[in-house]
C-alpha atoms as a PDB file:
ATOM      1  CA  UNK A   1      -0.278  -0.093   0.020  1.00  0.00           C
ATOM      2  CA  UNK A   2       1.247   3.607  -0.762  1.00  0.00           C
ATOM      3  CA  UNK A   3       1.547   5.362   2.611  1.00  0.00           C
ATOM      4  CA  UNK A   4       0.646   8.668   1.197  1.00  0.00           C
ATOM      5  CA  UNK A   5      -2.416   7.902  -1.140  1.00  0.00           C
ATOM      6  CA  UNK A   6      -3.661   4.386   0.594  1.00  0.00           C
ATOM      7  CA  UNK A   7      -3.468   3.259  -3.039  1.00  0.00           C
ATOM      8  CA  UNK A   8      -2.604  -0.803  -3.293  1.00  0.00           C
ATOM      9  CA  UNK A   9       0.135  -2.141  -5.187  1.00  0.00           C
ATOM     10  CA  UNK A  10       1.552  -5.144  -6.376  1.00  0.00           C
ATOM     11  CA  UNK A  11       5.187  -5.708  -4.709  1.00  0.00           C
ATOM     12  CA  UNK A  12       7.814  -8.265  -6.656  1.00  0.00           C
ATOM     13  CA  UNK A  13      10.792  -8.886  -4.236  1.00  0.00           C
ATOM     14  CA  UNK A  14      14.392  -9.692  -5.764  1.00  0.00           C
ATOM     15  CA  UNK A  15      16.874 -10.988  -3.607  1.00  0.00           C
ATOM     16  CA  UNK A  16      20.570 -10.200  -4.044  1.00  0.00           C
ATOM     17  CA  UNK A  17      22.580 -13.360  -3.589  1.00  0.00           C
ATOM     18  CA  UNK A  18      25.068 -13.512  -0.754  1.00  0.00           C
ATOM     19  CA  UNK A  19      28.086 -13.919  -3.267  1.00  0.00           C
ATOM     20  CA  UNK A  20      26.886 -11.807  -6.384  1.00  0.00           C
ATOM     21  CA  UNK A  21      29.049 -11.241  -9.065  1.00  0.00           C
ATOM     22  CA  UNK A  22      30.050  -7.228  -9.885  1.00  0.00           C
ATOM     23  CA  UNK A  23      27.161  -7.167 -12.573  1.00  0.00           C
ATOM     24  CA  UNK A  24      24.447  -8.677 -10.487  1.00  0.00           C
ATOM     25  CA  UNK A  25      23.143  -5.645  -8.933  1.00  0.00           C
ATOM     26  CA  UNK A  26      22.770  -4.129 -12.621  1.00  0.00           C
ATOM     27  CA  UNK A  27      21.093  -6.993 -13.803  1.00  0.00           C
ATOM     28  CA  UNK A  28      18.207  -6.867 -10.938  1.00  0.00           C
ATOM     29  CA  UNK A  29      17.427  -3.191 -11.736  1.00  0.00           C
ATOM     30  CA  UNK A  30      17.399  -3.968 -15.433  1.00  0.00           C
ATOM     31  CA  UNK A  31      13.513  -4.922 -15.081  1.00  0.00           C
ATOM     32  CA  UNK A  32      12.583  -1.650 -12.973  1.00  0.00           C
ATOM     33  CA  UNK A  33      15.078   0.650 -15.823  1.00  0.00           C
ATOM     34  CA  UNK A  34      12.811  -1.316 -18.571  1.00  0.00           C
ATOM     35  CA  UNK A  35       9.444  -0.735 -17.162  1.00  0.00           C
ATOM     36  CA  UNK A  36      10.027   3.016 -15.869  1.00  0.00           C
ATOM     37  CA  UNK A  37       9.191   4.274 -19.351  1.00  0.00           C
ATOM     38  CA  UNK A  38       6.496   2.142 -20.610  1.00  0.00           C
ATOM     39  CA  UNK A  39       2.799   3.756 -20.407  1.00  0.00           C
ATOM     40  CA  UNK A  40       0.077   1.887 -22.122  1.00  0.00           C
ATOM     41  CA  UNK A  41      -3.168   0.509 -20.769  1.00  0.00           C
ATOM     42  CA  UNK A  42      -2.283  -3.117 -21.679  1.00  0.00           C
ATOM     43  CA  UNK A  43       1.050  -2.948 -19.748  1.00  0.00           C
ATOM     44  CA  UNK A  44       1.020  -3.196 -16.456  1.00  0.00           C
ATOM     45  CA  UNK A  45       1.980   0.313 -14.638  1.00  0.00           C
ATOM     46  CA  UNK A  46       5.472   0.603 -12.755  1.00  0.00           C
ATOM     47  CA  UNK A  47       5.424   2.657  -9.385  1.00  0.00           C
ATOM     48  CA  UNK A  48       8.771   2.688  -8.316  1.00  0.00           C
ATOM     49  CA  UNK A  49      11.394   0.918  -6.252  1.00  0.00           C
ATOM     50  CA  UNK A  50      12.675   0.449  -2.834  1.00  0.00           C
ATOM     51  CA  UNK A  51      16.093  -1.176  -1.664  1.00  0.00           C
ATOM     52  CA  UNK A  52      16.686  -2.679   1.743  1.00  0.00           C
ATOM     53  CA  UNK A  53      19.748  -4.292   2.623  1.00  0.00           C
ATOM     54  CA  UNK A  54      19.888  -6.737  -0.221  1.00  0.00           C
ATOM     55  CA  UNK A  55      16.716  -6.824  -1.306  1.00  0.00           C
ATOM     56  CA  UNK A  56      15.236  -4.769  -4.314  1.00  0.00           C
ATOM     57  CA  UNK A  57      11.242  -4.328  -4.111  1.00  0.00           C
ATOM     58  CA  UNK A  58       9.713  -3.232  -7.537  1.00  0.00           C
ATOM     59  CA  UNK A  59       6.419  -1.699  -7.108  1.00  0.00           C
ATOM     60  CA  UNK A  60       3.843  -2.083  -9.320  1.00  0.00           C
ATOM     61  CA  UNK A  61      -0.047  -1.437  -9.597  1.00  0.00           C
ATOM     62  CA  UNK A  62      -2.201  -3.804  -8.278  1.00  0.00           C
ATOM     63  CA  UNK A  63      -4.357  -5.822 -10.939  1.00  0.00           C
ATOM     64  CA  UNK A  64      -7.354  -7.477  -8.795  1.00  0.00           C
ATOM     65  CA  UNK A  65      -8.166 -10.094 -11.214  1.00  0.00           C
ATOM     66  CA  UNK A  66      -5.524 -11.914 -11.121  1.00  0.00           C
ATOM     67  CA  UNK A  67      -3.659 -13.797 -14.019  1.00  0.00           C
ATOM     68  CA  UNK A  68      -5.026 -15.586 -17.097  1.00  0.00           C
ATOM     69  CA  UNK A  69      -3.516 -19.084 -16.079  1.00  0.00           C
ATOM     70  CA  UNK A  70      -5.331 -18.282 -12.563  1.00  0.00           C
ATOM     71  CA  UNK A  71      -8.657 -17.474 -14.391  1.00  0.00           C
ATOM     72  CA  UNK A  72      -8.218 -20.607 -16.734  1.00  0.00           C
ATOM     73  CA  UNK A  73      -7.517 -23.182 -13.584  1.00  0.00           C
ATOM     74  CA  UNK A  74     -10.632 -21.573 -12.021  1.00  0.00           C
ATOM     75  CA  UNK A  75     -13.276 -21.542 -14.478  1.00  0.00           C
ATOM     76  CA  UNK A  76     -11.785 -23.425 -17.223  1.00  0.00           C
ATOM     77  CA  UNK A  77     -11.008 -22.461 -20.923  1.00  0.00           C
ATOM     78  CA  UNK A  78     -12.707 -19.172 -22.195  1.00  0.00           C
ATOM     79  CA  UNK A  79     -15.800 -18.473 -24.294  1.00  0.00           C
ATOM     80  CA  UNK A  80     -14.868 -17.268 -28.065  1.00  0.00           C
ATOM     81  CA  UNK A  81     -15.589 -13.819 -27.229  1.00  0.00           C
ATOM     82  CA  UNK A  82     -13.710 -13.566 -24.250  1.00  0.00           C
ATOM     83  CA  UNK A  83     -10.713 -15.213 -26.050  1.00  0.00           C
ATOM     84  CA  UNK A  84     -10.987 -12.572 -28.763  1.00  0.00           C
ATOM     85  CA  UNK A  85     -11.056  -9.721 -26.417  1.00  0.00           C
ATOM     86  CA  UNK A  86      -8.061 -10.611 -24.497  1.00  0.00           C
ATOM     87  CA  UNK A  87      -6.381 -11.627 -27.648  1.00  0.00           C
ATOM     88  CA  UNK A  88      -6.846  -8.279 -29.013  1.00  0.00           C
ATOM     89  CA  UNK A  89      -5.439  -6.647 -25.675  1.00  0.00           C
ATOM     90  CA  UNK A  90      -2.490  -8.685 -25.800  1.00  0.00           C
ATOM     91  CA  UNK A  91      -1.545  -7.994 -28.822  1.00  0.00           C
ATOM     92  CA  UNK A  92      -1.847  -4.256 -28.316  1.00  0.00           C
ATOM     93  CA  UNK A  93       0.561  -4.444 -25.448  1.00  0.00           C
ATOM     94  CA  UNK A  94       2.757  -6.735 -27.661  1.00  0.00           C
ATOM     95  CA  UNK A  95       2.801  -4.130 -30.482  1.00  0.00           C
ATOM     96  CA  UNK A  96       3.484  -1.153 -27.796  1.00  0.00           C
ATOM     97  CA  UNK A  97       6.814  -3.146 -26.634  1.00  0.00           C
ATOM     98  CA  UNK A  98       7.771  -3.944 -30.463  1.00  0.00           C
ATOM     99  CA  UNK A  99       7.379  -0.266 -30.992  1.00  0.00           C
ATOM    100  CA  UNK A 100      10.041   0.512 -28.477  1.00  0.00           C
ATOM    101  CA  UNK A 101      12.220  -2.359 -29.800  1.00  0.00           C
ATOM    102  CA  UNK A 102      11.433  -4.498 -26.319  1.00  0.00           C
ATOM    103  CA  UNK A 103      11.080  -8.099 -26.621  1.00  0.00           C
ATOM    104  CA  UNK A 104       9.097  -9.328 -23.664  1.00  0.00           C
ATOM    105  CA  UNK A 105      10.350 -13.231 -24.101  1.00  0.00           C
ATOM    106  CA  UNK A 106       7.791 -14.513 -21.351  1.00  0.00           C
ATOM    107  CA  UNK A 107       4.441 -14.239 -22.963  1.00  0.00           C
ATOM    108  CA  UNK A 108       2.138 -16.657 -21.585  1.00  0.00           C
ATOM    109  CA  UNK A 109      -1.126 -16.629 -19.329  1.00  0.00           C
ATOM    110  CA  UNK A 110       0.232 -16.433 -16.028  1.00  0.00           C
ATOM    111  CA  UNK A 111       1.978 -12.989 -17.175  1.00  0.00           C
ATOM    112  CA  UNK A 112      -1.321 -11.568 -18.587  1.00  0.00           C
ATOM    113  CA  UNK A 113      -2.921  -9.894 -15.680  1.00  0.00           C
ATOM    114  CA  UNK A 114      -6.961  -8.940 -15.760  1.00  0.00           C
ATOM    115  CA  UNK A 115      -8.435  -6.124 -14.080  1.00  0.00           C
ATOM    116  CA  UNK A 116     -11.658  -5.927 -12.572  1.00  0.00           C
ATOM    117  CA  UNK A 117     -12.802  -4.379 -15.318  1.00  0.00           C
ATOM    118  CA  UNK A 118     -11.719  -7.004 -17.825  1.00  0.00           C
ATOM    119  CA  UNK A 119      -8.661  -5.097 -19.153  1.00  0.00           C
ATOM    120  CA  UNK A 120      -5.496  -7.243 -19.775  1.00  0.00           C
ATOM    121  CA  UNK A 121      -2.267  -6.057 -18.677  1.00  0.00           C
ATOM    122  CA  UNK A 122       1.179  -7.957 -19.874  1.00  0.00           C
ATOM    123  CA  UNK A 123       3.491  -8.067 -16.758  1.00  0.00           C
ATOM    124  CA  UNK A 124       6.622  -9.558 -15.593  1.00  0.00           C
ATOM    125  CA  UNK A 125       9.665  -8.143 -17.669  1.00  0.00           C
ATOM    126  CA  UNK A 126      12.190  -9.925 -15.859  1.00  0.00           C
ATOM    127  CA  UNK A 127      13.655 -11.598 -19.372  1.00  0.00           C
ATOM    128  CA  UNK A 128      12.702  -8.577 -21.404  1.00  0.00           C
ATOM    129  CA  UNK A 129      15.378  -6.971 -23.710  1.00  0.00           C
ATOM    130  CA  UNK A 130      16.063  -4.200 -25.694  1.00  0.00           C
ATOM    131  CA  UNK A 131      16.539  -5.657 -29.160  1.00  0.00           C
ATOM    132  CA  UNK A 132      19.037  -4.595 -31.483  1.00  0.00           C
ATOM    133  CA  UNK A 133      18.583  -2.626 -34.814  1.00  0.00           C
ATOM    134  CA  UNK A 134      19.260  -5.720 -36.740  1.00  0.00           C
ATOM    135  CA  UNK A 135      16.155  -7.483 -34.594  1.00  0.00           C
ATOM    136  CA  UNK A 136      18.396 -10.057 -32.792  1.00  0.00           C
ATOM    137  CA  UNK A 137      19.036 -10.833 -29.093  1.00  0.00           C
ATOM    138  CA  UNK A 138      20.780 -13.694 -27.674  1.00  0.00           C
ATOM    139  CA  UNK A 139      18.570 -15.248 -25.543  1.00  0.00           C
ATOM    140  CA  UNK A 140      21.258 -16.836 -22.952  1.00  0.00           C
ATOM    141  CA  UNK A 141      21.801 -15.501 -19.539  1.00  0.00           C
ATOM    142  CA  UNK A 142      25.466 -15.021 -18.207  1.00  0.00           C
ATOM    143  CA  UNK A 143      25.018 -18.254 -16.590  1.00  0.00           C
ATOM    144  CA  UNK A 144      24.255 -19.969 -19.925  1.00  0.00           C
ATOM    145  CA  UNK A 145      20.205 -20.758 -19.085  1.00  0.00           C
ATOM    146  CA  UNK A 146      17.576 -20.409 -21.457  1.00  0.00           C
ATOM    147  CA  UNK A 147      15.060 -17.303 -20.805  1.00  0.00           C
ATOM    148  CA  UNK A 148      11.694 -17.922 -20.584  1.00  0.00           C
ATOM    149  CA  UNK A 149       9.224 -20.858 -19.778  1.00  0.00           C
ATOM    150  CA  UNK A 150       9.755 -23.873 -22.037  1.00  0.00           C
ATOM    151  CA  UNK A 151       5.980 -24.430 -23.311  1.00  0.00           C
ATOM    152  CA  UNK A 152       5.692 -20.896 -25.023  1.00  0.00           C
ATOM    153  CA  UNK A 153       9.115 -20.871 -26.024  1.00  0.00           C
ATOM    154  CA  UNK A 154      10.229 -20.247 -29.844  1.00  0.00           C
ATOM    155  CA  UNK A 155      12.473 -23.251 -31.012  1.00  0.00           C
ATOM    156  CA  UNK A 156      15.004 -20.457 -31.931  1.00  0.00           C
ATOM    157  CA  UNK A 157      15.016 -19.636 -28.248  1.00  0.00           C
ATOM    158  CA  UNK A 158      15.088 -23.420 -27.056  1.00  0.00           C
ATOM    159  CA  UNK A 159      18.041 -24.021 -29.860  1.00  0.00           C
ATOM    160  CA  UNK A 160      19.887 -21.001 -27.802  1.00  0.00           C
ATOM    161  CA  UNK A 161      20.172 -19.315 -31.264  1.00  0.00           C
ATOM    162  CA  UNK A 162      19.910 -15.434 -31.763  1.00  0.00           C
ATOM    163  CA  UNK A 163      16.406 -14.197 -32.203  1.00  0.00           C
ATOM    164  CA  UNK A 164      14.472 -11.172 -31.690  1.00  0.00           C
ATOM    165  CA  UNK A 165      10.686  -9.843 -31.647  1.00  0.00           C
ATOM    166  CA  UNK A 166       8.906 -12.374 -33.174  1.00  0.00           C
ATOM    167  CA  UNK A 167       9.595 -14.812 -30.480  1.00  0.00           C
ATOM    168  CA  UNK A 168       6.846 -12.977 -28.865  1.00  0.00           C
ATOM    169  CA  UNK A 169       4.222 -13.464 -31.239  1.00  0.00           C
ATOM    170  CA  UNK A 170       5.338 -17.407 -30.748  1.00  0.00           C
ATOM    171  CA  UNK A 171       4.499 -16.893 -27.149  1.00  0.00           C
ATOM    172  CA  UNK A 172       1.431 -14.969 -27.791  1.00  0.00           C
ATOM    173  CA  UNK A 173       0.251 -17.979 -30.257  1.00  0.00           C
ATOM    174  CA  UNK A 174       0.616 -20.330 -27.060  1.00  0.00           C
ATOM    175  CA  UNK A 175      -1.202 -18.246 -25.211  1.00  0.00           C
ATOM    176  CA  UNK A 176      -3.985 -17.980 -27.433  1.00  0.00           C
ATOM    177  CA  UNK A 177      -4.007 -21.891 -27.466  1.00  0.00           C
ATOM    178  CA  UNK A 178      -3.959 -21.987 -23.486  1.00  0.00           C
ATOM    179  CA  UNK A 179      -7.041 -19.435 -23.552  1.00  0.00           C
ATOM    180  CA  UNK A 180      -9.042 -21.580 -25.618  1.00  0.00           C
ATOM    181  CA  UNK A 181      -8.115 -25.002 -24.524  1.00  0.00           C
ATOM    182  CA  UNK A 182      -7.303 -24.302 -20.759  1.00  0.00           C
ATOM    183  CA  UNK A 183      -3.781 -26.088 -21.412  1.00  0.00           C
ATOM    184  CA  UNK A 184      -0.540 -24.528 -22.055  1.00  0.00           C
ATOM    185  CA  UNK A 185       0.911 -25.983 -25.767  1.00  0.00           C
ATOM    186  CA  UNK A 186       2.755 -29.395 -25.687  1.00  0.00           C
ATOM    187  CA  UNK A 187       1.685 -29.937 -22.081  1.00  0.00           C
ATOM    188  CA  UNK A 188       0.011 -32.930 -23.538  1.00  0.00           C
ATOM    189  CA  UNK A 189       3.502 -34.382 -24.627  1.00  0.00           C
ATOM    190  CA  UNK A 190       4.881 -34.472 -21.087  1.00  0.00           C
ATOM    191  CA  UNK A 191       8.130 -32.748 -22.128  1.00  0.00           C
ATOM    192  CA  UNK A 192       9.251 -29.957 -19.749  1.00  0.00           C
ATOM    193  CA  UNK A 193      12.853 -29.749 -20.469  1.00  0.00           C
ATOM    194  CA  UNK A 194      13.733 -27.423 -23.351  1.00  0.00           C
ATOM    195  CA  UNK A 195      15.774 -30.338 -25.010  1.00  0.00           C
ATOM    196  CA  UNK A 196      12.908 -32.727 -24.674  1.00  0.00           C
ATOM    197  CA  UNK A 197      10.224 -30.219 -25.997  1.00  0.00           C
ATOM    198  CA  UNK A 198      12.430 -29.432 -29.037  1.00  0.00           C
ATOM    199  CA  UNK A 199      12.734 -33.104 -29.687  1.00  0.00           C
ATOM    200  CA  UNK A 200       8.879 -33.070 -29.595  1.00  0.00           C
ATOM    201  CA  UNK A 201       8.702 -30.337 -31.844  1.00  0.00           C
ATOM    202  CA  UNK A 202      10.949 -31.499 -34.324  1.00  0.00           C
ATOM    203  CA  UNK A 203       9.093 -35.271 -34.503  1.00  0.00           C
ATOM    204  CA  UNK A 204       5.760 -33.626 -34.666  1.00  0.00           C
ATOM    205  CA  UNK A 205       6.846 -31.468 -37.616  1.00  0.00           C
ATOM    206  CA  UNK A 206       8.219 -34.609 -39.173  1.00  0.00           C
ATOM    207  CA  UNK A 207       4.586 -36.328 -38.923  1.00  0.00           C
ATOM    208  CA  UNK A 208       2.937 -33.517 -40.430  1.00  0.00           C
ATOM    209  CA  UNK A 209       5.032 -33.534 -43.470  1.00  0.00           C
ATOM    210  CA  UNK A 210       4.816 -37.413 -43.987  1.00  0.00           C
ATOM    211  CA  UNK A 211       0.858 -36.911 -43.967  1.00  0.00           C
END
């Protein structure tokens, strides 16, 4: 809660590891720095940050309806009109980000928040990057881990190849399928690791071509 206005806010806590590398504080502040200038009705609003010892607190607007993933878990697959409404709003938010050369890189139902008035807002910019002019960005962190959620990752991200803004369109397609069916894409395959999921994608592609 904002002590001055009484307005409710959501707080994301980021912990600085005890033995952090020199660049770690900069990485923790990356999300806040990126969100600070974003102003769009379909993007969660950034309210500020506080640092307490090794803890960074990112304050964002409170979105009372929860995430699309939580709503699906509670009510099941969305109707076609609801899916269309949320899809249009998600695309508006993605278009705004891409207009500013920002790749979200983790578009999925749990990162889409819904307000009481039905307005959808994209959230969680922890893996987002500003994309270079040639529209590519390395999707591998300093530790070598893949950024994002496997079920919603584009093949080039799973392969740890150079990628750019189009990975968000792939993620959006997965989120759209999630809204319509109630389940993430590829979840029926039971492949949760990037390598296993990529193998399943290649096998499915070969089967389609063989038909």
